[in-house]
Amino acid sequence: MYGQNNYGSYQPNSYGSPYGQEEFINPSKPPPFQFKRKRINVVSAIVALFLPWLVFCGISSLWSFSLRYTSPSATWGITLAVGVPLGLLTVYYFYQCYKALSRGQYQTVETGDHAAWTLFILITCCVAFAVALVLGGTNYQENMRGVFDVSAMSSYTGVNPATMRGQELMDAGKVTFIAGTDLDMRYSNGFRNNDVYCVAPITVNNAVLASYDFWAVGKNCCSDGDKTDFKCGNVNRQGSRGGIRIVSDSDRDFYRLAVQQSLSAHAIKAIHPLFFRWTDDPAEEQEALERVGYQWILAGMIGYFLFQLFLVVIALTCFTKLRLE
């Protein structure tokens, strides 16, 4: 009884060990991985929702509106100042996370410097940046560039198409013609090149002019060829005698071809033809075109916020469901 060494061995307790275990765990052997639920990281979720969306709003606005028109170099400078560091940082974090996962350092990926939320935020910021460039560039080309071009040009009122020539209004952006001005449908024409480019001369009281230098134009609003079904702009509205200059180089070339066809078919002359969108109020029409550009961006902002919210919900589900410990 007293001769035995009771300190060199362990006798299991029928009521359990002092630590509530049936046997000691080998301290040299790491415990197996267990799956446990992780708390929601509210701060990271909020940042992940709003930061990519703010990147989208800023870049899409930058590439849509007046700064791009007045200072393209500043637009490119801001874009590169945001895009290059964002791209490099994303690549760096992605590489660090890949390296940590390949070594089995799961804890480092989830809660260390290379957190999964951080990588998610960076990747979605890059996606927002790219989508914003596409939307902003498209909106600028389709809507806002023409608005800025016309706004930078001069406005004329009381223009008489019978006595004035195109050379006199080379810088015209918005034009209001004299009373009695209308379209001469006898000389309207359509030229097809995928779209139908429609033209009709602007005259006074359907008088025969020495030179038809002012033309109302539009796309896909007439038949192909020498027809009198020109329906572009506000042609059916009584009292329309205003025009907004067409400034698109590609469209202007096809309108010129349509005019040349009309000149050849009817033996009339145009010394320096200018092309206008026919309207009853050029200023109001210009504001309406500008609103379209803003509506594009507003719709894009709302749509991308909902898209980012969807991504964050998925990330919350994945990041809070399971983790390795």
Protein backbone atom coordinates (compact mmCIF):
# COMPACT_ATOMS: atom_id res chain seq x y z
CA MET A 1 0.00 0.00 0.00
CA TYR A 2 2.71 2.43 1.05
CA GLY A 3 5.31 0.73 -1.11
CA GLN A 4 3.63 1.35 -4.38
CA ASN A 5 4.24 4.46 -6.40
CA ASN A 6 0.79 5.94 -6.88
CA TYR A 7 2.17 9.01 -8.63
CA GLY A 8 3.56 7.33 -11.72
CA SER A 9 0.36 5.97 -13.20
CA TYR A 10 -3.15 7.18 -13.78
CA GLN A 11 -6.15 5.28 -12.48
CA PRO A 12 -9.36 6.12 -14.32
CA ASN A 13 -12.15 7.46 -12.17
CA SER A 14 -15.47 5.70 -12.51
CA TYR A 15 -17.11 9.07 -12.22
CA GLY A 16 -14.94 10.51 -15.00
CA SER A 17 -11.62 12.29 -15.03
CA PRO A 18 -11.05 15.56 -13.24
CA TYR A 19 -11.40 17.22 -16.65
CA GLY A 20 -14.60 15.40 -17.54
CA GLN A 21 -12.89 13.08 -20.06
CA GLU A 22 -12.44 9.31 -20.13
CA GLU A 23 -8.84 9.56 -21.21
CA PHE A 24 -6.13 12.09 -21.79
CA ILE A 25 -5.75 13.59 -25.24
CA ASN A 26 -2.32 13.33 -26.69
CA PRO A 27 -1.09 16.95 -26.63
CA SER A 28 1.26 16.29 -29.57
CA LYS A 29 -1.65 15.39 -31.86
CA PRO A 30 -3.70 18.36 -33.10
CA PRO A 31 -7.46 18.11 -32.66
CA PRO A 32 -9.45 17.31 -35.77
CA PHE A 33 -11.16 20.13 -37.69
CA GLN A 34 -14.66 20.86 -36.53
CA PHE A 35 -17.36 22.84 -38.31
CA LYS A 36 -18.83 25.68 -36.31
CA ARG A 37 -21.12 28.51 -37.19
CA LYS A 38 -19.49 31.92 -37.44
CA ARG A 39 -20.95 35.22 -36.31
CA ILE A 40 -22.09 37.73 -38.90
CA ASN A 41 -19.50 40.40 -39.56
CA VAL A 42 -21.89 43.35 -39.80
CA VAL A 43 -19.23 45.98 -40.50
CA SER A 44 -17.70 43.98 -43.35
CA ALA A 45 -21.13 43.29 -44.82
CA ILE A 46 -21.99 47.00 -44.83
CA VAL A 47 -18.66 47.91 -46.41
CA ALA A 48 -19.12 45.15 -48.99
CA LEU A 49 -22.55 46.53 -49.88
CA PHE A 50 -21.72 50.21 -50.22
CA LEU A 51 -18.06 50.46 -51.28
CA PRO A 52 -18.39 48.63 -54.64
CA TRP A 53 -21.64 50.51 -55.29
CA LEU A 54 -19.92 53.84 -54.65
CA VAL A 55 -17.14 52.82 -57.04
CA PHE A 56 -19.79 52.08 -59.65
CA CYS A 57 -21.59 55.38 -59.10
CA GLY A 58 -18.39 57.42 -59.25
CA ILE A 59 -16.85 55.82 -62.34
CA SER A 60 -20.09 55.64 -64.34
CA SER A 61 -20.78 59.32 -63.62
CA LEU A 62 -17.20 60.27 -64.41
CA TRP A 63 -17.40 58.61 -67.83
CA SER A 64 -20.89 59.92 -68.64
CA PHE A 65 -20.94 63.60 -67.83
CA SER A 66 -19.29 66.95 -68.53
CA LEU A 67 -15.80 66.34 -67.07
CA ARG A 68 -15.13 63.72 -69.74
CA TYR A 69 -16.16 66.21 -72.42
CA THR A 70 -14.28 69.22 -71.08
CA SER A 71 -11.20 67.43 -69.72
CA PRO A 72 -10.60 63.91 -71.09
CA SER A 73 -7.08 63.82 -69.62
CA ALA A 74 -8.43 64.43 -66.10
CA THR A 75 -11.01 61.69 -66.63
CA TRP A 76 -8.32 59.20 -67.64
CA GLY A 77 -6.10 60.31 -64.76
CA ILE A 78 -8.81 59.74 -62.15
CA THR A 79 -9.75 56.43 -63.75
CA LEU A 80 -6.18 55.14 -63.68
CA ALA A 81 -5.62 56.47 -60.15
CA VAL A 82 -8.55 54.34 -58.98
CA GLY A 83 -8.28 51.34 -61.28
CA VAL A 84 -4.56 50.53 -61.14
CA PRO A 85 -4.20 50.38 -57.31
CA LEU A 86 -7.51 48.51 -57.06
CA GLY A 87 -6.40 45.91 -59.58
CA LEU A 88 -2.94 45.43 -58.05
CA LEU A 89 -4.35 45.15 -54.52
CA THR A 90 -6.90 42.57 -55.66
CA VAL A 91 -4.25 40.46 -57.36
CA TYR A 92 -2.01 40.65 -54.27
CA TYR A 93 -4.77 39.61 -51.87
CA PHE A 94 -5.89 36.83 -54.17
CA TYR A 95 -2.36 35.45 -54.34
CA GLN A 96 -1.95 35.65 -50.56
CA CYS A 97 -5.24 33.82 -49.98
CA TYR A 98 -4.33 31.15 -52.51
CA LYS A 99 -0.95 30.65 -50.86
CA ALA A 100 -2.52 30.40 -47.39
CA LEU A 101 -5.14 27.89 -48.53
CA SER A 102 -2.58 25.75 -50.33
CA ARG A 103 -0.67 25.47 -47.05
CA GLY A 104 -3.78 24.66 -45.03
CA GLN A 105 -3.69 27.93 -43.12
CA TYR A 106 -7.46 28.30 -43.03
CA GLN A 107 -7.48 30.50 -39.95
CA THR A 108 -5.21 33.00 -41.70
CA VAL A 109 -7.60 33.25 -44.63
CA GLU A 110 -10.72 33.73 -42.52
CA THR A 111 -9.66 35.99 -39.69
CA GLY A 112 -6.16 37.23 -40.49
CA ASP A 113 -4.92 39.97 -42.75
CA HIS A 114 -6.12 38.16 -45.87
CA ALA A 115 -9.73 37.84 -44.78
CA ALA A 116 -12.36 36.39 -47.09
CA TRP A 117 -14.44 39.54 -46.71
CA THR A 118 -11.53 41.69 -47.83
CA LEU A 119 -11.05 39.60 -50.95
CA PHE A 120 -14.79 39.65 -51.64
CA ILE A 121 -14.87 43.46 -51.35
CA LEU A 122 -11.88 43.90 -53.65
CA ILE A 123 -13.22 41.53 -56.32
CA THR A 124 -16.66 43.13 -56.33
CA CYS A 125 -15.05 46.57 -56.51
CA CYS A 126 -13.21 45.44 -59.64
CA VAL A 127 -16.46 44.13 -61.12
CA ALA A 128 -18.20 47.42 -60.29
CA PHE A 129 -15.33 49.35 -61.86
CA ALA A 130 -15.53 47.38 -65.12
CA VAL A 131 -19.32 47.54 -65.39
CA ALA A 132 -19.26 51.29 -64.66
CA LEU A 133 -16.77 51.86 -67.48
CA VAL A 134 -19.05 50.04 -69.93
CA LEU A 135 -22.23 51.80 -68.82
CA GLY A 136 -20.62 55.24 -68.58
CA GLY A 137 -18.92 54.94 -71.95
CA THR A 138 -22.09 53.72 -73.66
CA ASN A 139 -24.22 56.45 -72.08
CA TYR A 140 -21.73 59.09 -73.14
CA GLN A 141 -21.62 57.95 -76.75
CA GLU A 142 -25.34 57.28 -77.12
CA ASN A 143 -26.77 60.21 -75.17
CA MET A 144 -24.52 62.76 -73.52
CA ARG A 145 -21.90 63.50 -76.16
CA GLY A 146 -24.45 64.88 -78.60
CA VAL A 147 -25.95 67.01 -75.83
CA PHE A 148 -22.56 68.47 -74.93
CA ASP A 149 -21.68 69.08 -78.59
CA VAL A 150 -24.89 70.99 -79.24
CA SER A 151 -24.59 72.94 -75.98
CA ALA A 152 -21.11 74.08 -77.01
CA MET A 153 -22.46 75.44 -80.31
CA SER A 154 -24.44 78.61 -81.00
CA SER A 155 -28.21 79.13 -81.07
CA TYR A 156 -29.95 81.01 -83.87
CA THR A 157 -33.50 82.33 -84.17
CA GLY A 158 -35.35 83.76 -87.14
CA VAL A 159 -33.44 81.69 -89.69
CA ASN A 160 -34.83 81.94 -93.22
CA PRO A 161 -33.94 78.79 -95.20
CA ALA A 162 -34.73 80.59 -98.48
CA THR A 163 -32.12 83.33 -98.05
CA MET A 164 -29.52 81.88 -95.69
CA ARG A 165 -26.86 79.33 -96.59
CA GLY A 166 -25.31 76.50 -94.67
CA GLN A 167 -21.92 78.22 -94.52
CA GLU A 168 -23.45 81.02 -92.45
CA LEU A 169 -24.59 78.62 -89.72
CA MET A 170 -21.62 76.26 -89.49
CA ASP A 171 -21.58 76.66 -85.70
CA ALA A 172 -25.36 76.29 -85.26
CA GLY A 173 -26.48 73.90 -82.53
CA LYS A 174 -30.11 74.92 -82.00
CA VAL A 175 -32.06 76.76 -84.71
CA THR A 176 -35.50 78.33 -84.78
CA PHE A 177 -36.75 79.14 -88.30
CA ILE A 178 -39.08 81.94 -89.36
CA ALA A 179 -42.86 81.54 -89.44
CA GLY A 180 -44.09 79.61 -92.45
CA THR A 181 -41.16 77.20 -92.43
CA ASP A 182 -42.11 73.61 -93.15
CA LEU A 183 -40.80 70.42 -94.73
CA ASP A 184 -41.09 69.82 -98.45
CA MET A 185 -42.16 66.18 -98.64
CA ARG A 186 -41.79 66.10 -102.43
CA TYR A 187 -38.02 65.80 -102.05
CA SER A 188 -37.83 63.49 -99.02
CA ASN A 189 -35.71 60.39 -99.37
CA GLY A 190 -34.47 57.34 -97.47
CA PHE A 191 -31.07 55.66 -97.74
CA ARG A 192 -30.69 52.15 -96.32
CA ASN A 193 -27.52 50.92 -94.67
CA ASN A 194 -28.81 48.48 -92.05
CA ASP A 195 -30.84 51.43 -90.70
CA VAL A 196 -32.84 53.71 -92.99
CA TYR A 197 -31.48 57.27 -92.98
CA CYS A 198 -34.33 59.66 -93.79
CA VAL A 199 -34.06 63.26 -95.04
CA ALA A 200 -36.50 66.01 -96.03
CA PRO A 201 -35.61 69.59 -97.03
CA ILE A 202 -36.67 72.55 -94.88
CA THR A 203 -38.38 75.26 -96.97
CA VAL A 204 -40.64 78.31 -96.59
CA ASN A 205 -44.20 77.91 -97.85
CA ASN A 206 -43.02 75.08 -100.15
CA ALA A 207 -41.18 77.58 -102.32
CA VAL A 208 -38.56 76.38 -104.80
CA LEU A 209 -35.15 77.29 -103.38
CA ALA A 210 -31.90 78.00 -105.16
CA SER A 211 -30.08 75.80 -102.64
CA TYR A 212 -31.58 73.38 -100.12
CA ASP A 213 -29.04 73.69 -97.32
CA PHE A 214 -31.26 72.79 -94.34
CA TRP A 215 -32.59 69.25 -93.93
CA ALA A 216 -34.68 67.52 -91.29
CA VAL A 217 -33.40 64.00 -90.68
CA GLY A 218 -34.01 60.86 -88.64
CA LYS A 219 -33.41 57.11 -88.61
CA ASN A 220 -35.95 54.39 -89.43
CA CYS A 221 -38.85 56.84 -89.77
CA CYS A 222 -39.46 56.57 -93.52
CA SER A 223 -39.41 54.04 -96.32
CA ASP A 224 -36.32 53.14 -98.27
CA GLY A 225 -36.02 55.17 -101.45
CA ASP A 226 -37.72 58.20 -102.95
CA LYS A 227 -40.97 58.18 -100.94
CA THR A 228 -43.05 60.92 -99.30
CA ASP A 229 -43.64 59.17 -95.96
CA PHE A 230 -41.10 61.09 -93.88
CA LYS A 231 -42.26 60.82 -90.23
CA CYS A 232 -39.19 61.83 -88.24
CA GLY A 233 -39.26 64.15 -85.24
CA ASN A 234 -42.31 66.33 -84.68
CA VAL A 235 -43.26 66.38 -88.33
CA ASN A 236 -46.96 65.88 -87.57
CA ARG A 237 -47.14 68.61 -84.93
CA GLN A 238 -48.47 71.92 -86.16
CA GLY A 239 -46.18 74.89 -85.69
CA SER A 240 -42.92 72.94 -85.55
CA ARG A 241 -40.13 75.10 -86.96
CA GLY A 242 -37.10 74.31 -84.82
CA GLY A 243 -34.12 72.05 -85.24
CA ILE A 244 -31.33 70.47 -83.18
CA ARG A 245 -28.12 69.88 -85.07
CA ILE A 246 -27.04 66.31 -85.82
CA VAL A 247 -23.41 66.05 -84.71
CA SER A 248 -22.73 62.30 -85.08
CA ASP A 249 -20.06 61.89 -87.75
CA SER A 250 -21.13 58.38 -88.76
CA ASP A 251 -24.81 59.30 -89.08
CA ARG A 252 -24.01 62.52 -90.92
CA ASP A 253 -22.19 60.62 -93.68
CA PHE A 254 -25.26 58.48 -94.41
CA TYR A 255 -27.59 61.48 -94.28
CA ARG A 256 -25.36 63.14 -96.87
CA LEU A 257 -25.73 60.09 -99.13
CA ALA A 258 -29.52 60.28 -98.76
CA VAL A 259 -29.43 63.97 -99.70
CA GLN A 260 -27.29 63.23 -102.75
CA GLN A 261 -29.84 60.67 -103.90
CA SER A 262 -32.61 63.24 -103.54
CA LEU A 263 -30.60 65.89 -105.41
CA SER A 264 -29.98 63.50 -108.28
CA ALA A 265 -33.58 62.29 -108.44
CA HIS A 266 -35.15 65.77 -108.44
CA ALA A 267 -32.46 67.91 -110.09
CA ILE A 268 -32.14 70.25 -107.13
CA LYS A 269 -29.04 71.68 -105.48
CA ALA A 270 -27.59 71.82 -101.95
CA ILE A 271 -24.36 73.80 -101.58
CA HIS A 272 -23.62 73.03 -97.95
CA PRO A 273 -26.35 70.86 -96.35
CA LEU A 274 -26.84 70.94 -92.57
CA PHE A 275 -28.85 68.28 -90.76
CA PHE A 276 -31.31 68.86 -87.91
CA ARG A 277 -33.70 66.88 -85.75
CA TRP A 278 -37.10 68.51 -86.43
CA THR A 279 -38.87 69.81 -83.31
CA ASP A 280 -41.20 72.52 -82.12
CA ASP A 281 -38.98 73.62 -79.21
CA PRO A 282 -35.21 73.02 -79.56
CA ALA A 283 -34.41 74.01 -75.97
CA GLU A 284 -37.01 71.65 -74.50
CA GLU A 285 -35.92 68.86 -76.84
CA GLN A 286 -32.33 69.34 -75.75
CA GLU A 287 -33.31 69.09 -72.09
CA ALA A 288 -35.26 65.91 -72.83
CA LEU A 289 -32.22 64.34 -74.48
CA GLU A 290 -30.10 65.27 -71.48
CA ARG A 291 -32.63 63.72 -69.11
CA VAL A 292 -32.31 60.43 -70.97
CA GLY A 293 -28.61 60.34 -70.11
CA TYR A 294 -29.31 60.99 -66.43
CA GLN A 295 -32.02 58.35 -66.42
CA TRP A 296 -29.53 55.81 -67.76
CA ILE A 297 -27.19 56.49 -64.86
CA LEU A 298 -29.97 56.52 -62.27
CA ALA A 299 -31.31 53.20 -63.53
CA GLY A 300 -27.77 51.80 -63.51
CA MET A 301 -27.19 52.91 -59.92
CA ILE A 302 -30.42 51.35 -58.68
CA GLY A 303 -29.84 48.16 -60.64
CA TYR A 304 -26.27 47.76 -59.48
CA PHE A 305 -27.21 48.38 -55.84
CA LEU A 306 -29.70 45.51 -56.05
CA PHE A 307 -27.08 43.33 -57.77
CA GLN A 308 -24.51 44.11 -55.07
CA LEU A 309 -27.09 43.41 -52.36
CA PHE A 310 -27.68 40.01 -53.93
CA LEU A 311 -23.94 39.26 -53.89
CA VAL A 312 -23.60 40.33 -50.26
CA VAL A 313 -26.50 38.09 -49.20
CA ILE A 314 -24.80 35.14 -50.90
CA ALA A 315 -21.49 36.02 -49.23
CA LEU A 316 -23.16 36.27 -45.81
CA THR A 317 -24.72 32.86 -46.31
CA CYS A 318 -21.39 31.31 -47.29
CA PHE A 319 -19.17 33.05 -44.73
CA THR A 320 -21.45 32.54 -41.72
CA LYS A 321 -22.61 29.00 -42.39
CA LEU A 322 -19.46 27.00 -41.81
CA ARG A 323 -15.79 27.52 -41.10
CA LEU A 324 -12.83 25.31 -40.24
CA GLU A 325 -11.36 25.56 -36.78
